[in-house]
Protein backbone atom coordinates (compact mmCIF):
# COMPACT_ATOMS: atom_id res chain seq x y z
CA UNK A 1 -0.01 -0.13 0.15
CA UNK A 2 1.72 3.22 -1.25
CA UNK A 3 1.19 6.44 1.09
CA UNK A 4 -1.61 8.10 -0.95
CA UNK A 5 -3.58 4.58 -0.24
CA UNK A 6 -2.68 4.70 3.09
CA UNK A 7 -4.10 8.26 3.16
CA UNK A 8 -7.07 7.19 1.39
CA UNK A 9 -8.13 4.25 3.63
CA UNK A 10 -7.59 6.83 6.34
CA UNK A 11 -10.09 9.00 5.41
CA UNK A 12 -12.79 6.96 5.69
CA UNK A 13 -14.87 7.63 8.61
CA UNK A 14 -15.57 4.58 11.14
CA UNK A 15 -13.59 2.68 8.68
CA UNK A 16 -10.09 1.04 8.95
CA UNK A 17 -7.72 3.78 10.64
CA UNK A 18 -4.60 2.29 10.43
CA UNK A 19 -2.16 2.82 13.04
CA UNK A 20 1.55 3.57 13.05
CA UNK A 21 2.62 0.29 11.89
CA UNK A 22 0.87 0.76 8.53
CA UNK A 23 2.14 3.90 7.85
CA UNK A 24 4.25 3.23 4.82
CA UNK A 25 7.83 4.66 4.12
CA UNK A 26 7.06 4.96 0.51
CA UNK A 27 9.74 6.62 -1.42
CA UNK A 28 9.38 8.87 -4.16
CA UNK A 29 6.05 10.00 -1.80
CA UNK A 30 5.82 13.04 0.18
CA UNK A 31 3.02 13.53 2.89
CA UNK A 32 3.86 17.16 3.08
CA UNK A 33 1.81 19.91 1.82
CA UNK A 34 1.50 23.53 2.90
CA UNK A 35 3.89 23.19 5.42
CA UNK A 36 2.63 20.15 7.86
CA UNK A 37 4.01 16.59 7.49
CA UNK A 38 0.56 14.99 7.17
CA UNK A 39 2.19 11.63 7.95
CA UNK A 40 4.30 13.00 10.65
CA UNK A 41 0.99 14.51 12.68
CA UNK A 42 -1.01 11.41 12.21
CA UNK A 43 1.75 9.58 13.95
CA UNK A 44 2.33 11.96 16.47
CA UNK A 45 -1.46 12.09 17.54
CA UNK A 46 -1.59 8.23 17.73
CA UNK A 47 1.41 7.95 20.02
CA UNK A 48 -0.48 9.92 22.64
CA UNK A 49 -2.06 7.11 23.96
CA UNK A 50 0.79 4.84 24.70
CA UNK A 51 2.15 8.40 26.47
CA UNK A 52 -1.00 8.29 28.46
CA UNK A 53 -1.13 5.01 29.02
CA UNK A 54 2.31 5.33 30.56
CA UNK A 55 0.87 8.28 32.59
CA UNK A 56 -1.99 6.16 33.80
CA UNK A 57 0.44 3.09 35.00
CA UNK A 58 3.18 5.29 36.96
CA UNK A 59 5.68 4.29 34.53
CA UNK A 60 6.06 7.46 32.28
CA UNK A 61 9.82 8.80 31.80
CA UNK A 62 7.76 11.99 30.94
CA UNK A 63 5.85 14.55 33.49
CA UNK A 64 3.16 16.12 31.19
CA UNK A 65 1.39 19.15 32.24
CA UNK A 66 -2.50 18.94 32.00
CA UNK A 67 -3.13 22.27 31.75
CA UNK A 68 -0.52 22.68 28.60
CA UNK A 69 -1.74 19.61 27.15
CA UNK A 70 -5.17 20.15 27.12
CA UNK A 71 -4.35 23.29 24.99
CA UNK A 72 -4.74 22.27 20.99
CA UNK A 73 -2.25 25.05 20.06
CA UNK A 74 1.35 23.53 21.86
CA UNK A 75 2.12 20.34 19.32
CA UNK A 76 3.18 21.33 15.78
CA UNK A 77 -0.37 20.26 14.27
CA UNK A 78 -1.88 23.09 16.75
CA UNK A 79 0.35 25.65 15.74
CA UNK A 80 -0.02 24.52 11.86
CA UNK A 81 -4.31 25.12 12.54
CA UNK A 82 -3.75 28.23 13.54
CA UNK A 83 -1.25 29.71 11.27
CA UNK A 84 -0.86 28.33 8.00
CA UNK A 85 -3.31 25.89 7.89
CA UNK A 86 -5.79 28.63 8.28
CA UNK A 87 -4.67 30.83 6.34
CA UNK A 88 -4.69 28.29 3.70
CA UNK A 89 -7.68 25.75 4.22
CA UNK A 90 -9.59 28.25 6.70
CA UNK A 91 -12.39 28.06 4.16
CA UNK A 92 -12.23 24.15 3.46
CA UNK A 93 -14.86 21.80 5.68
CA UNK A 94 -12.19 19.25 6.24
CA UNK A 95 -10.17 21.82 8.07
CA UNK A 96 -13.21 23.24 9.95
CA UNK A 97 -13.80 19.44 11.41
CA UNK A 98 -9.62 18.89 11.68
CA UNK A 99 -9.46 21.99 14.17
CA UNK A 100 -12.71 21.62 15.95
CA UNK A 101 -11.96 17.47 16.36
CA UNK A 102 -8.05 18.43 17.26
CA UNK A 103 -9.42 20.87 19.97
CA UNK A 104 -11.71 18.32 21.55
CA UNK A 105 -8.61 15.58 21.14
CA UNK A 106 -6.20 17.49 23.64
CA UNK A 107 -8.94 18.76 25.86
CA UNK A 108 -9.70 15.04 26.76
CA UNK A 109 -6.06 14.25 26.89
CA UNK A 110 -5.62 16.86 29.52
CA UNK A 111 -8.99 15.14 31.30
CA UNK A 112 -6.87 11.81 30.94
CA UNK A 113 -3.94 13.25 32.67
CA UNK A 114 -6.00 15.41 35.41
CA UNK A 115 -7.48 12.16 36.03
CA UNK A 116 -4.61 10.12 36.17
CA UNK A 117 -2.39 12.34 38.61
CA UNK A 118 -5.36 12.73 40.64
CA UNK A 119 -5.43 9.15 41.73
CA UNK A 120 -8.64 8.59 39.65
CA UNK A 121 -7.05 5.64 37.41
CA UNK A 122 -10.19 3.91 36.45
CA UNK A 123 -12.03 7.27 35.27
CA UNK A 124 -8.89 8.19 33.38
CA UNK A 125 -8.66 4.27 31.73
CA UNK A 126 -12.40 4.92 30.66
CA UNK A 127 -12.04 8.48 29.01
CA UNK A 128 -9.04 6.57 27.50
CA UNK A 129 -10.50 3.83 26.15
CA UNK A 130 -13.35 5.46 25.28
CA UNK A 131 -14.03 9.34 24.66
CA UNK A 132 -10.19 10.19 23.75
CA UNK A 133 -9.89 6.78 21.32
CA UNK A 134 -12.85 7.99 19.16
CA UNK A 135 -11.62 11.51 18.96
CA UNK A 136 -8.33 10.38 18.31
CA UNK A 137 -9.63 8.16 15.25
CA UNK A 138 -11.56 11.37 13.94
CA UNK A 139 -8.45 13.25 14.42
CA UNK A 140 -6.69 10.69 12.23
CA UNK A 141 -9.61 10.75 9.62
CA UNK A 142 -9.98 14.76 9.69
CA UNK A 143 -6.36 14.88 8.62
CA UNK A 144 -6.36 12.66 6.17
CA UNK A 145 -9.26 13.72 4.19
CA UNK A 146 -7.49 17.48 4.73
CA UNK A 147 -4.27 15.95 2.74
CA UNK A 148 -6.35 14.20 0.04
CA UNK A 149 -8.14 17.62 -0.29
CA UNK A 150 -4.83 19.79 -0.27
CA UNK A 151 -3.32 17.28 -2.91
CA UNK A 152 -6.12 18.51 -5.56
């Protein structure tokens, strides 16, 4: 499966949302468009589940701040959404969906962290497995959709 095929598959809501291990390393195909590497953005947001689980388990080597993580403008994608992405794609439906879902994704990540750090592991686990996982999948769908739209 080539990179473009991977994005087409990932853009299907409710369909197979590929995990990091299935993102192809395709020679000659670029996932960079309008100043953002969409593949890297997908992978970075997929890794959040593992990072948050480590915080819940108490095995994380990093101390994440829930208030900072809750902000949607602190990661590479968030900076792009609030800058170049808004300039280039502000009127595109897939961009508006991505912007809204990305903000929700970070709010939920912050909720998971706050619950984990307060010792409410069951609540953190529940949010991680349900609302956060669903939001993460939607971020990936919207990223893939916007990538395909931008490539037209």
